[in-house]
Amino acid sequence: MQTDRSATPAPPRAWLSRFDTLRVKLFLAIAGANVVLVMSIYLIYSWSFDKGLVEYLNKADENRLQPMIVRLAEGYRQNGNWEWITEDHQRWQDLSREVLGTGRMPRRPGEGTPPPHALPGAATATPAPTPAPAPGVAPAVPGTPPPPPTFTIDPRLLLLDPQRNLLAGPEGRTEQAVLKPITVNNELVGYLGYVPRLQMVASLERVFLGQQRRTFAVIALGMLAAVLLNAALIARWLSRRLRVLGEGTAAVAQGDYSVRLPIRGHDELTQLAGAFNHMASSLQAAQHARQQWIADIAHELRTPLATLRAEIEALQDGVRQPNTANLDSLAQEVSRLTRLVEDLRLLSLSDLGALDYRPASIDLGRFVGHHLSDATGLPGKALQVRTDLAPQVEIRADGDRLDQVLSNLLQNTQRYTDDPATLSVQVRRHEHEAQLTWEDSGPGVPPEALPRLTERLYRVDSSRASVSGGSGLGLAIAHAIVEGHGGRMRASASALGGLRWDIWLPLNTDTAHG
């Protein structure tokens, strides 16, 4: 029976995952880059050393051969041909050694003595007596030419005639040789050639070059070890700091917003840790605000619901009669719940960016004036209203939403100001914006509470408590509507002793320059 091997999953290679870490990747990246750098330096150094050494030796050869060219030219001038050097190889060797500074070698027995005119300036030599033949060795037969001399000079030197025919030196090197002309009375009489060391390097030079390469190889290995150690330390340091950041991120992802990363240094990782801490603080504040928001909503809904439940139970038990007054009380609590739910809906729409606006051109001064005249005629707390409304301050806004802002501000003033209440409203043009200033009389608001007045369900102290049924959402709604129009809203202390609101709205671009 055959088994289906394709259905069997391959065993996971857990050992490979150990190398798929940031620490290993950093180590490989840093070490690999440095290894390539070390090897490149080694190759460049070797190439440069080889080339520089060969060029130096070739240049030295050229400088050392110049005196030999002078000696050869002088010999040719005295003899008129090259026979004085080509027929006596020993003289070629002696001349080479003398000029190149390698010492003069003694002549072998049986070799002729150079004539007095062989070398320029050379002293006359006395012919040496012919030595007796060694025992057992046949004497030289008279008239028999001596054996050809052995060529022992550096095989890189050559002597050629003007037609570049080889006169002295090794065969087969002519094409490789660099030729230096020999002139006598401005006439070319021959060439002195040498084979560059690029094609032929002496054994001593090879040994020296090998020593240099071995020395640098040891240095390269030491650098490589230092590079690997340095890469390991850097990778460990970076991975440790990033591991702390990863652990903090995992904690935040699990809902622990109290985690904070240590701040050490001023590098980019420190800045990242600071940004992470700021993010965690913001998330923690948002979580706390959400929890407080839910608790406040529950509290706001519980009061009217408890009142409704009590009144309905009283009606059911016959304690209270279903007359007009009791029904009006129930309707008032229902209206309070309706307003609260509507306010919550408006804020949720604003958070989602789904609060719709129908903008139109509005004269802000005239609009505020009409709203105040209509509102002051309604029953409620009497207000002494002072206005300073500049004409022709055109904005583009949704009249219904703007009416909500003014209604919330007016309700806030009527609820929380002491009698006799005073309200001062100004509208004026401020650069490219329209500015609405709303000030009421006391009591005022503590300075530390001013930035929080537009928070949802936020209340200050008992002097501005919700004694008249406010939900604590009116100012938050007003702030959301103002921002939805591209404006801004700020609270401060009023000169009348109460609260001052400054609202800036952008002017209508069609009429701002009119």
Protein backbone atom coordinates (compact mmCIF):
# COMPACT_ATOMS: atom_id res chain seq x y z
CA MET A 1 0.00 0.00 0.00
CA GLN A 2 1.45 3.29 -1.03
CA THR A 3 1.22 6.33 1.18
CA ASP A 4 0.59 9.84 -0.04
CA ARG A 5 3.80 11.63 0.86
CA SER A 6 2.60 14.89 -0.65
CA ALA A 7 0.01 15.21 2.12
CA THR A 8 2.63 14.97 4.84
CA PRO A 9 3.88 18.46 5.75
CA ALA A 10 7.61 18.97 5.71
CA PRO A 11 9.13 19.20 9.17
CA PRO A 12 9.86 22.80 10.11
CA ARG A 13 13.49 23.73 10.08
CA ALA A 14 13.64 25.32 13.49
CA TRP A 15 17.40 25.65 13.39
CA LEU A 16 17.15 27.98 10.39
CA SER A 17 14.90 30.36 12.28
CA ARG A 18 17.66 30.91 14.81
CA PHE A 19 19.72 32.61 12.12
CA ASP A 20 16.80 34.66 10.78
CA THR A 21 17.29 37.36 13.41
CA LEU A 22 18.27 40.99 13.23
CA ARG A 23 21.41 40.32 15.24
CA VAL A 24 22.69 37.74 12.74
CA LYS A 25 21.72 39.92 9.77
CA LEU A 26 23.52 42.93 11.23
CA PHE A 27 26.58 40.81 11.93
CA LEU A 28 26.64 39.40 8.41
CA ALA A 29 26.08 42.81 6.84
CA ILE A 30 28.80 44.58 8.83
CA ALA A 31 31.27 41.70 8.70
CA GLY A 32 30.66 41.09 4.98
CA ALA A 33 31.21 44.73 4.10
CA ASN A 34 34.42 44.88 6.11
CA VAL A 35 35.72 41.58 4.71
CA VAL A 36 35.20 42.86 1.18
CA LEU A 37 37.02 46.05 2.18
CA VAL A 38 39.97 44.14 3.67
CA MET A 39 40.28 41.86 0.66
CA SER A 40 40.06 44.81 -1.72
CA ILE A 41 42.83 46.60 0.18
CA TYR A 42 44.95 43.44 0.09
CA LEU A 43 44.52 42.98 -3.66
CA ILE A 44 45.10 46.65 -4.40
CA TYR A 45 48.18 46.68 -2.19
CA SER A 46 49.58 43.54 -3.82
CA TRP A 47 48.98 44.87 -7.33
CA SER A 48 50.42 48.26 -6.46
CA PHE A 49 53.45 46.72 -4.76
CA ASP A 50 54.17 44.38 -7.66
CA LYS A 51 53.79 47.12 -10.22
CA GLY A 52 55.74 49.65 -8.20
CA LEU A 53 58.56 47.23 -7.50
CA VAL A 54 58.92 46.21 -11.14
CA GLU A 55 58.80 49.80 -12.33
CA TYR A 56 61.40 50.80 -9.75
CA LEU A 57 63.75 47.99 -10.78
CA ASN A 58 63.31 48.76 -14.48
CA LYS A 59 64.06 52.40 -13.88
CA ALA A 60 67.11 51.46 -11.84
CA ASP A 61 68.27 49.21 -14.68
CA GLU A 62 67.99 52.04 -17.17
CA ASN A 63 70.02 54.36 -14.97
CA ARG A 64 72.69 51.69 -14.39
CA LEU A 65 72.97 50.86 -18.11
CA GLN A 66 73.69 54.43 -19.18
CA PRO A 67 77.41 54.26 -18.23
CA MET A 68 77.69 50.97 -20.16
CA ILE A 69 76.28 52.66 -23.27
CA VAL A 70 78.96 55.35 -22.92
CA ARG A 71 81.73 52.73 -22.57
CA LEU A 72 80.47 50.78 -25.57
CA ALA A 73 80.32 53.92 -27.70
CA GLU A 74 83.86 54.84 -26.67
CA GLY A 75 85.13 51.35 -27.57
CA TYR A 76 83.43 51.50 -30.96
CA ARG A 77 84.95 54.92 -31.63
CA GLN A 78 88.45 53.58 -30.94
CA ASN A 79 88.08 50.28 -32.85
CA GLY A 80 85.64 51.25 -35.59
CA ASN A 81 83.62 48.03 -35.25
CA TRP A 82 82.21 45.57 -32.72
CA GLU A 83 84.76 42.82 -33.22
CA TRP A 84 86.68 43.92 -30.12
CA ILE A 85 83.66 42.88 -28.03
CA THR A 86 82.06 40.11 -30.08
CA GLU A 87 85.27 38.07 -30.44
CA ASP A 88 86.03 38.25 -26.75
CA HIS A 89 83.00 37.28 -24.69
CA GLN A 90 85.03 37.52 -21.52
CA ARG A 91 85.54 41.20 -22.22
CA TRP A 92 81.74 41.62 -22.61
CA GLN A 93 81.29 39.99 -19.25
CA ASP A 94 84.04 42.03 -17.60
CA LEU A 95 82.63 45.25 -18.99
CA SER A 96 79.14 44.36 -17.81
CA ARG A 97 80.37 43.49 -14.32
CA GLU A 98 82.51 46.59 -14.09
CA VAL A 99 79.77 48.95 -15.15
CA LEU A 100 76.98 47.21 -13.21
CA GLY A 101 79.14 46.95 -10.11
CA THR A 102 79.11 43.16 -9.74
CA GLY A 103 82.88 42.78 -9.55
CA ARG A 104 85.51 41.55 -12.01
CA MET A 105 85.85 37.81 -12.56
CA PRO A 106 89.31 36.26 -13.20
CA ARG A 107 89.94 34.85 -16.64
CA ARG A 108 89.99 31.11 -17.11
CA PRO A 109 93.26 29.43 -18.11
CA GLY A 110 93.77 29.38 -21.84
CA GLU A 111 91.73 32.50 -22.56
CA GLY A 112 93.53 35.20 -24.44
CA THR A 113 94.56 38.52 -23.01
CA PRO A 114 92.73 41.51 -24.38
CA PRO A 115 94.79 43.79 -26.57
CA PRO A 116 95.90 47.09 -25.09
CA HIS A 117 93.29 49.01 -27.08
CA ALA A 118 90.38 46.80 -25.98
CA LEU A 119 88.97 48.96 -23.23
CA PRO A 120 89.20 52.70 -23.15
CA GLY A 121 91.67 53.80 -20.54
CA ALA A 122 92.63 50.21 -19.63
CA ALA A 123 96.27 49.52 -18.66
CA THR A 124 98.49 47.30 -20.83
CA ALA A 125 98.48 43.75 -19.55
CA THR A 126 101.54 41.44 -19.66
CA PRO A 127 100.84 38.10 -21.28
CA ALA A 128 100.72 35.41 -18.70
CA PRO A 129 102.87 32.29 -19.20
CA THR A 130 101.10 29.25 -20.48
CA PRO A 131 100.62 26.86 -17.60
CA ALA A 132 101.77 23.28 -17.88
CA PRO A 133 99.12 20.69 -18.51
CA ALA A 134 97.89 18.83 -15.53
CA PRO A 135 98.98 15.22 -15.10
CA GLY A 136 96.86 12.88 -17.15
CA VAL A 137 95.56 15.70 -19.30
CA ALA A 138 96.58 15.81 -22.94
CA PRO A 139 98.26 19.05 -23.93
CA ALA A 140 96.49 21.33 -26.28
CA VAL A 141 97.20 20.64 -29.88
CA PRO A 142 98.83 23.59 -31.59
CA GLY A 143 96.50 25.34 -34.00
CA THR A 144 93.34 23.95 -32.31
CA PRO A 145 90.86 26.78 -31.47
CA PRO A 146 89.94 27.12 -27.83
CA PRO A 147 86.49 26.00 -26.73
CA PRO A 148 83.80 28.70 -26.87
CA PRO A 149 83.56 30.76 -23.72
CA THR A 150 80.69 30.15 -21.32
CA PHE A 151 78.20 33.09 -21.22
CA THR A 152 77.61 33.73 -17.50
CA ILE A 153 76.47 37.38 -17.45
CA ASP A 154 72.87 38.37 -16.60
CA PRO A 155 70.88 36.97 -19.57
CA ARG A 156 68.79 40.15 -19.73
CA LEU A 157 71.54 42.14 -21.54
CA LEU A 158 71.94 42.11 -25.34
CA LEU A 159 74.16 43.88 -27.90
CA LEU A 160 72.74 44.46 -31.40
CA ASP A 161 74.05 46.11 -34.56
CA PRO A 162 72.20 48.96 -36.31
CA GLN A 163 70.13 46.39 -38.21
CA ARG A 164 69.15 44.88 -34.84
CA ASN A 165 71.06 41.68 -35.42
CA LEU A 166 72.16 40.02 -32.21
CA LEU A 167 75.91 40.39 -31.53
CA ALA A 168 76.09 39.33 -27.89
CA GLY A 169 73.57 38.03 -25.40
CA PRO A 170 71.02 35.21 -25.22
CA GLU A 171 69.06 34.06 -28.22
CA GLY A 172 65.28 34.57 -28.36
CA ARG A 173 65.18 37.69 -26.17
CA THR A 174 65.36 40.33 -28.85
CA GLU A 175 61.63 40.87 -29.19
CA GLN A 176 61.21 41.20 -25.40
CA ALA A 177 64.12 43.59 -24.96
CA VAL A 178 63.96 47.36 -24.58
CA LEU A 179 66.61 48.83 -26.91
CA LYS A 180 68.81 51.81 -26.07
CA PRO A 181 70.62 53.34 -29.08
CA ILE A 182 74.41 53.62 -29.15
CA THR A 183 75.64 56.58 -31.22
CA VAL A 184 79.11 57.69 -32.23
CA ASN A 185 79.43 61.15 -33.79
CA ASN A 186 75.65 61.31 -34.15
CA GLU A 187 75.64 58.04 -36.09
CA LEU A 188 73.74 54.96 -34.92
CA VAL A 189 76.22 52.11 -34.48
CA GLY A 190 74.15 49.65 -32.45
CA TYR A 191 71.76 49.00 -29.59
CA LEU A 192 72.14 47.92 -26.00
CA GLY A 193 69.08 45.94 -25.03
CA TYR A 194 67.73 44.66 -21.76
CA VAL A 195 64.75 42.50 -20.90
CA PRO A 196 62.48 44.29 -18.35
CA ARG A 197 61.96 42.65 -15.04
CA LEU A 198 58.27 42.41 -15.78
CA GLN A 199 59.16 39.30 -17.79
CA MET A 200 62.08 38.16 -15.69
CA VAL A 201 62.42 38.80 -11.94
CA ALA A 202 65.44 37.56 -10.05
CA SER A 203 65.02 34.99 -7.30
CA LEU A 204 66.03 37.45 -4.58
CA GLU A 205 63.35 39.86 -5.68
CA ARG A 206 60.80 37.06 -5.71
CA VAL A 207 61.76 36.13 -2.16
CA PHE A 208 61.39 39.74 -1.04
CA LEU A 209 58.02 40.00 -2.74
CA GLY A 210 56.87 36.78 -1.09
CA GLN A 211 57.92 38.08 2.31
CA GLN A 212 55.94 41.27 1.78
CA ARG A 213 52.88 39.32 0.74
CA ARG A 214 53.11 37.04 3.76
CA THR A 215 53.50 40.03 6.05
CA PHE A 216 50.47 41.76 4.64
CA ALA A 217 48.52 38.49 4.72
CA VAL A 218 49.17 38.28 8.47
CA ILE A 219 48.07 41.91 8.83
CA ALA A 220 44.95 41.18 6.77
CA LEU A 221 44.07 38.20 8.97
CA GLY A 222 44.47 40.34 12.07
CA MET A 223 42.26 43.02 10.54
CA LEU A 224 39.73 40.37 9.58
CA ALA A 225 39.61 39.06 13.16
CA ALA A 226 39.20 42.61 14.48
CA VAL A 227 36.45 43.25 11.92
CA LEU A 228 34.53 40.13 12.94
CA LEU A 229 34.82 41.01 16.63
CA ASN A 230 33.74 44.59 15.96
CA ALA A 231 30.80 43.44 13.84
CA ALA A 232 29.71 41.02 16.57
CA LEU A 233 29.84 43.75 19.23
CA ILE A 234 27.97 46.29 17.09
CA ALA A 235 25.32 43.74 16.10
CA ARG A 236 24.84 42.73 19.74
CA TRP A 237 24.56 46.37 20.87
CA LEU A 238 22.05 47.33 18.18
CA SER A 239 19.99 44.16 18.52
CA ARG A 240 19.79 44.59 22.30
CA ARG A 241 18.41 48.13 21.99
CA LEU A 242 16.00 47.08 19.27
CA ARG A 243 14.92 44.08 21.35
CA VAL A 244 13.91 46.42 24.17
CA LEU A 245 11.88 48.45 21.67
CA GLY A 246 10.27 45.29 20.35
CA GLU A 247 9.34 44.13 23.84
CA GLY A 248 7.78 47.53 24.58
CA THR A 249 5.82 47.44 21.33
CA ALA A 250 4.54 43.96 22.12
CA ALA A 251 3.42 45.14 25.57
CA VAL A 252 1.52 48.10 24.05
CA ALA A 253 -0.06 45.78 21.48
CA GLN A 254 -1.37 43.66 24.39
CA GLY A 255 -2.92 46.73 26.02
CA ASP A 256 -0.25 47.63 28.57
CA TYR A 257 0.10 51.38 27.98
CA SER A 258 2.15 51.96 31.13
CA VAL A 259 5.37 50.58 29.60
CA ARG A 260 8.17 53.11 29.03
CA LEU A 261 11.55 52.70 27.37
CA PRO A 262 14.77 53.99 28.97
CA ILE A 263 16.14 57.16 27.40
CA ARG A 264 19.94 57.15 27.08
CA GLY A 265 21.98 59.23 24.65
CA HIS A 266 20.91 61.46 21.79
CA ASP A 267 21.04 59.21 18.72
CA GLU A 268 18.20 58.17 16.42
CA LEU A 269 17.34 55.12 18.53
CA THR A 270 16.99 57.38 21.56
CA GLN A 271 14.68 59.66 19.58
CA LEU A 272 12.69 56.59 18.54
CA ALA A 273 12.43 55.53 22.19
CA GLY A 274 11.23 59.03 23.10
CA ALA A 275 8.60 58.93 20.34
CA PHE A 276 7.52 55.49 21.58
CA ASN A 277 7.13 56.81 25.15
CA HIS A 278 5.08 59.75 23.86
CA MET A 279 2.88 57.36 21.90
CA ALA A 280 2.41 55.14 24.94
CA SER A 281 1.52 58.18 27.08
CA SER A 282 -1.02 59.32 24.49
CA LEU A 283 -2.58 55.87 24.30
CA GLN A 284 -2.71 55.67 28.09
CA ALA A 285 -4.38 59.09 28.25
CA ALA A 286 -6.82 58.06 25.53
CA GLN A 287 -7.63 54.86 27.39
CA HIS A 288 -8.23 56.80 30.58
CA ALA A 289 -10.36 59.36 28.73
CA ARG A 290 -12.39 56.57 27.14
CA GLN A 291 -12.97 54.94 30.48
CA GLN A 292 -13.92 58.28 32.01
CA TRP A 293 -16.13 59.02 29.00
CA ILE A 294 -18.05 55.80 29.42
CA ALA A 295 -18.43 56.41 33.15
CA ASP A 296 -19.66 59.97 32.56
CA ILE A 297 -22.17 58.87 29.94
CA ALA A 298 -23.48 56.19 32.26
CA HIS A 299 -23.83 58.81 35.00
CA GLU A 300 -25.60 61.26 32.69
CA LEU A 301 -28.02 58.61 31.47
CA ARG A 302 -28.63 57.17 34.91
CA THR A 303 -30.06 60.37 36.42
CA PRO A 304 -32.94 60.99 33.95
CA LEU A 305 -33.64 57.27 33.70
CA ALA A 306 -33.86 56.97 37.49
CA THR A 307 -36.20 59.96 37.59
CA LEU A 308 -38.38 58.48 34.84
CA ARG A 309 -38.48 55.10 36.58
CA ALA A 310 -39.47 56.65 39.91
CA GLU A 311 -42.23 58.76 38.40
CA ILE A 312 -43.58 55.87 36.32
CA GLU A 313 -43.60 53.57 39.37
CA ALA A 314 -45.40 56.28 41.34
CA LEU A 315 -48.05 56.47 38.64
CA GLN A 316 -48.36 52.69 38.54
CA ASP A 317 -48.76 52.46 42.30
CA GLY A 318 -51.36 55.25 42.36
CA VAL A 319 -49.18 57.51 44.50
CA ARG A 320 -49.28 60.13 41.75
CA GLN A 321 -52.08 60.80 39.35
CA PRO A 322 -51.54 60.91 35.56
CA ASN A 323 -52.42 64.58 35.35
CA THR A 324 -50.91 67.27 33.13
CA ALA A 325 -48.22 68.30 35.59
CA ASN A 326 -46.92 64.76 36.12
CA LEU A 327 -46.97 64.04 32.40
CA ASP A 328 -45.07 67.29 31.75
CA SER A 329 -42.41 66.14 34.23
CA LEU A 330 -42.06 62.87 32.36
CA ALA A 331 -41.85 64.73 29.05
CA GLN A 332 -39.12 66.97 30.46
CA GLU A 333 -36.99 63.97 31.45
CA VAL A 334 -37.56 62.38 28.05
CA SER A 335 -36.49 65.62 26.37
CA ARG A 336 -33.35 65.68 28.52
CA LEU A 337 -32.51 62.13 27.43
CA THR A 338 -33.23 63.04 23.82
CA ARG A 339 -30.90 66.04 23.94
CA LEU A 340 -28.16 63.96 25.54
CA VAL A 341 -28.44 61.21 22.94
CA GLU A 342 -28.52 63.78 20.13
CA ASP A 343 -25.44 65.49 21.52
CA LEU A 344 -23.62 62.16 21.70
CA ARG A 345 -24.63 61.41 18.13
CA LEU A 346 -23.31 64.76 16.93
CA LEU A 347 -19.96 64.19 18.66
CA SER A 348 -19.62 60.69 17.25
CA LEU A 349 -20.36 62.01 13.77
CA SER A 350 -17.77 64.73 14.26
CA ASP A 351 -15.17 62.15 15.33
CA LEU A 352 -15.92 60.12 12.21
CA GLY A 353 -15.81 63.20 9.98
CA ALA A 354 -19.39 62.51 8.95
CA LEU A 355 -20.98 65.66 10.37
CA ASP A 356 -22.50 67.30 7.31
CA TYR A 357 -22.20 71.05 6.60
CA ARG A 358 -24.06 73.20 4.08
CA PRO A 359 -21.86 76.28 3.80
CA ALA A 360 -23.16 79.58 2.53
CA SER A 361 -22.01 83.18 2.61
CA ILE A 362 -22.96 84.75 5.98
CA ASP A 363 -22.47 88.23 7.40
CA LEU A 364 -21.22 87.20 10.84
CA GLY A 365 -22.14 90.48 12.61
CA ARG A 366 -25.69 90.50 11.30
CA PHE A 367 -26.10 86.76 12.02
CA VAL A 368 -24.96 87.14 15.66
CA GLY A 369 -27.18 90.19 16.13
CA HIS A 370 -30.30 88.35 14.94
CA HIS A 371 -29.52 85.36 17.16
CA LEU A 372 -29.10 87.51 20.28
CA SER A 373 -32.28 89.47 19.63
CA ASP A 374 -34.27 86.28 19.26
CA ALA A 375 -32.69 84.61 22.29
CA THR A 376 -33.10 87.52 24.70
CA GLY A 377 -36.83 87.62 24.00
CA LEU A 378 -37.25 84.05 25.29
CA PRO A 379 -38.26 83.42 28.93
CA GLY A 380 -35.37 82.75 31.32
CA LYS A 381 -32.63 84.65 33.11
CA ALA A 382 -32.48 88.31 32.20
CA LEU A 383 -29.25 89.31 30.48
CA GLN A 384 -27.76 92.72 29.93
CA VAL A 385 -26.29 92.34 26.43
CA ARG A 386 -23.69 94.71 24.97
CA THR A 387 -22.70 94.24 21.36
CA ASP A 388 -20.06 95.65 19.03
CA LEU A 389 -20.73 93.97 15.69
CA ALA A 390 -18.64 95.12 12.72
CA PRO A 391 -20.52 95.10 9.41
CA GLN A 392 -19.55 93.21 6.26
CA VAL A 393 -17.50 90.51 7.97
CA GLU A 394 -18.32 87.79 5.48
CA ILE A 395 -17.64 84.13 6.28
CA ARG A 396 -18.69 80.92 4.60
CA ALA A 397 -20.43 78.68 7.11
CA ASP A 398 -23.43 76.45 7.77
CA GLY A 399 -26.03 78.69 9.41
CA ASP A 400 -27.70 75.86 11.35
CA ARG A 401 -24.41 74.60 12.78
CA LEU A 402 -23.28 78.13 13.61
CA ASP A 403 -26.61 78.68 15.37
CA GLN A 404 -25.84 75.59 17.49
CA VAL A 405 -22.53 77.15 18.57
CA LEU A 406 -24.18 80.42 19.59
CA SER A 407 -27.02 78.56 21.37
CA ASN A 408 -24.58 76.49 23.42
CA LEU A 409 -22.59 79.58 24.40
CA LEU A 410 -25.77 81.40 25.37
CA GLN A 411 -27.06 78.46 27.41
CA ASN A 412 -23.73 78.23 29.18
CA THR A 413 -23.91 81.93 30.06
CA GLN A 414 -27.52 81.77 31.26
CA ARG A 415 -26.93 78.71 33.42
CA TYR A 416 -23.69 79.61 35.14
CA THR A 417 -23.66 83.42 35.61
CA ASP A 418 -24.91 85.14 38.75
CA ASP A 419 -27.58 87.82 38.73
CA PRO A 420 -27.40 90.43 37.39
CA ALA A 421 -25.82 88.71 34.36
CA THR A 422 -23.95 90.67 31.74
CA LEU A 423 -22.93 89.52 28.27
CA SER A 424 -20.60 91.33 25.84
CA VAL A 425 -20.32 90.17 22.24
CA GLN A 426 -17.96 91.58 19.60
CA VAL A 427 -17.46 90.76 15.93
CA ARG A 428 -14.52 92.23 14.00
CA ARG A 429 -12.21 91.48 11.15
CA HIS A 430 -8.75 90.22 12.21
CA GLU A 431 -6.32 89.91 9.28
CA HIS A 432 -7.68 87.06 7.14
CA GLU A 433 -10.13 85.83 9.78
CA ALA A 434 -13.35 86.87 11.44
CA GLN A 435 -13.09 87.06 15.24
CA LEU A 436 -16.06 86.54 17.55
CA THR A 437 -15.50 87.46 21.22
CA TRP A 438 -18.03 86.26 23.82
CA GLU A 439 -17.63 87.48 27.42
CA ASP A 440 -19.92 87.02 30.41
CA SER A 441 -19.90 88.05 34.05
CA GLY A 442 -18.86 85.99 37.03
CA PRO A 443 -18.28 83.59 38.51
CA GLY A 444 -15.08 82.80 36.63
CA VAL A 445 -13.18 79.59 35.90
CA PRO A 446 -9.84 78.59 37.49
CA PRO A 447 -6.93 79.06 35.04
CA GLU A 448 -6.00 75.36 35.18
CA ALA A 449 -9.52 74.38 34.05
CA LEU A 450 -9.65 76.66 30.98
CA PRO A 451 -7.95 74.24 28.50
CA ARG A 452 -10.34 71.43 29.52
CA LEU A 453 -13.66 73.21 29.06
CA THR A 454 -14.19 71.71 25.62
CA GLU A 455 -13.60 68.17 26.87
CA ARG A 456 -16.69 66.00 26.79
CA LEU A 457 -18.69 65.82 30.02
CA TYR A 458 -16.09 67.96 31.81
CA ARG A 459 -17.32 70.14 34.68
CA VAL A 460 -15.42 72.54 36.85
CA ASP A 461 -16.38 73.18 40.47
CA SER A 462 -19.69 73.74 42.18
CA SER A 463 -19.93 77.34 40.94
CA ARG A 464 -20.47 75.96 37.42
CA ALA A 465 -22.02 72.59 38.33
CA SER A 466 -24.80 71.08 36.31
CA VAL A 467 -27.54 72.34 38.60
CA SER A 468 -29.81 73.23 35.72
CA GLY A 469 -29.70 69.99 33.79
CA GLY A 470 -26.74 70.59 31.45
CA SER A 471 -25.15 67.50 29.95
CA GLY A 472 -21.60 68.87 29.77
CA LEU A 473 -21.45 68.31 26.01
CA GLY A 474 -22.48 71.73 24.67
CA LEU A 475 -19.03 73.29 24.61
CA ALA A 476 -17.53 70.11 23.14
CA ILE A 477 -20.10 70.24 20.34
CA ALA A 478 -19.39 73.95 19.74
CA HIS A 479 -15.66 73.25 19.56
CA ALA A 480 -16.20 70.41 17.06
CA ILE A 481 -18.39 72.59 14.83
CA VAL A 482 -15.88 75.46 14.85
CA GLU A 483 -13.04 73.11 13.90
CA GLY A 484 -15.27 71.60 11.21
CA HIS A 485 -15.44 75.08 9.64
CA GLY A 486 -11.64 75.39 9.68
CA GLY A 487 -11.60 77.71 12.68
CA ARG A 488 -10.41 77.57 16.26
CA MET A 489 -11.83 78.29 19.69
CA ARG A 490 -10.03 79.40 22.88
CA ALA A 491 -11.18 80.08 26.46
CA SER A 492 -9.72 82.72 28.76
CA ALA A 493 -10.67 84.90 31.71
CA SER A 494 -13.16 87.68 31.00
CA ALA A 495 -12.73 91.31 32.01
CA LEU A 496 -16.31 91.11 33.30
CA GLY A 497 -15.29 88.48 35.86
CA GLY A 498 -16.58 85.44 34.06
CA LEU A 499 -15.54 83.43 31.00
CA ARG A 500 -14.35 84.68 27.64
CA TRP A 501 -14.49 82.76 24.37
CA ASP A 502 -12.57 83.81 21.26
CA ILE A 503 -13.64 82.15 18.03
CA TRP A 504 -11.77 82.64 14.75
CA LEU A 505 -13.37 81.65 11.46
CA PRO A 506 -11.85 82.06 7.97
CA LEU A 507 -13.24 84.87 5.88
CA ASN A 508 -15.11 84.14 2.69
CA THR A 509 -12.42 84.00 0.00
CA ASP A 510 -14.79 85.47 -2.58
CA THR A 511 -15.35 88.67 -0.60
CA ALA A 512 -12.28 88.85 1.67
CA HIS A 513 -10.48 91.24 -0.73
CA GLY A 514 -13.57 93.20 -1.73
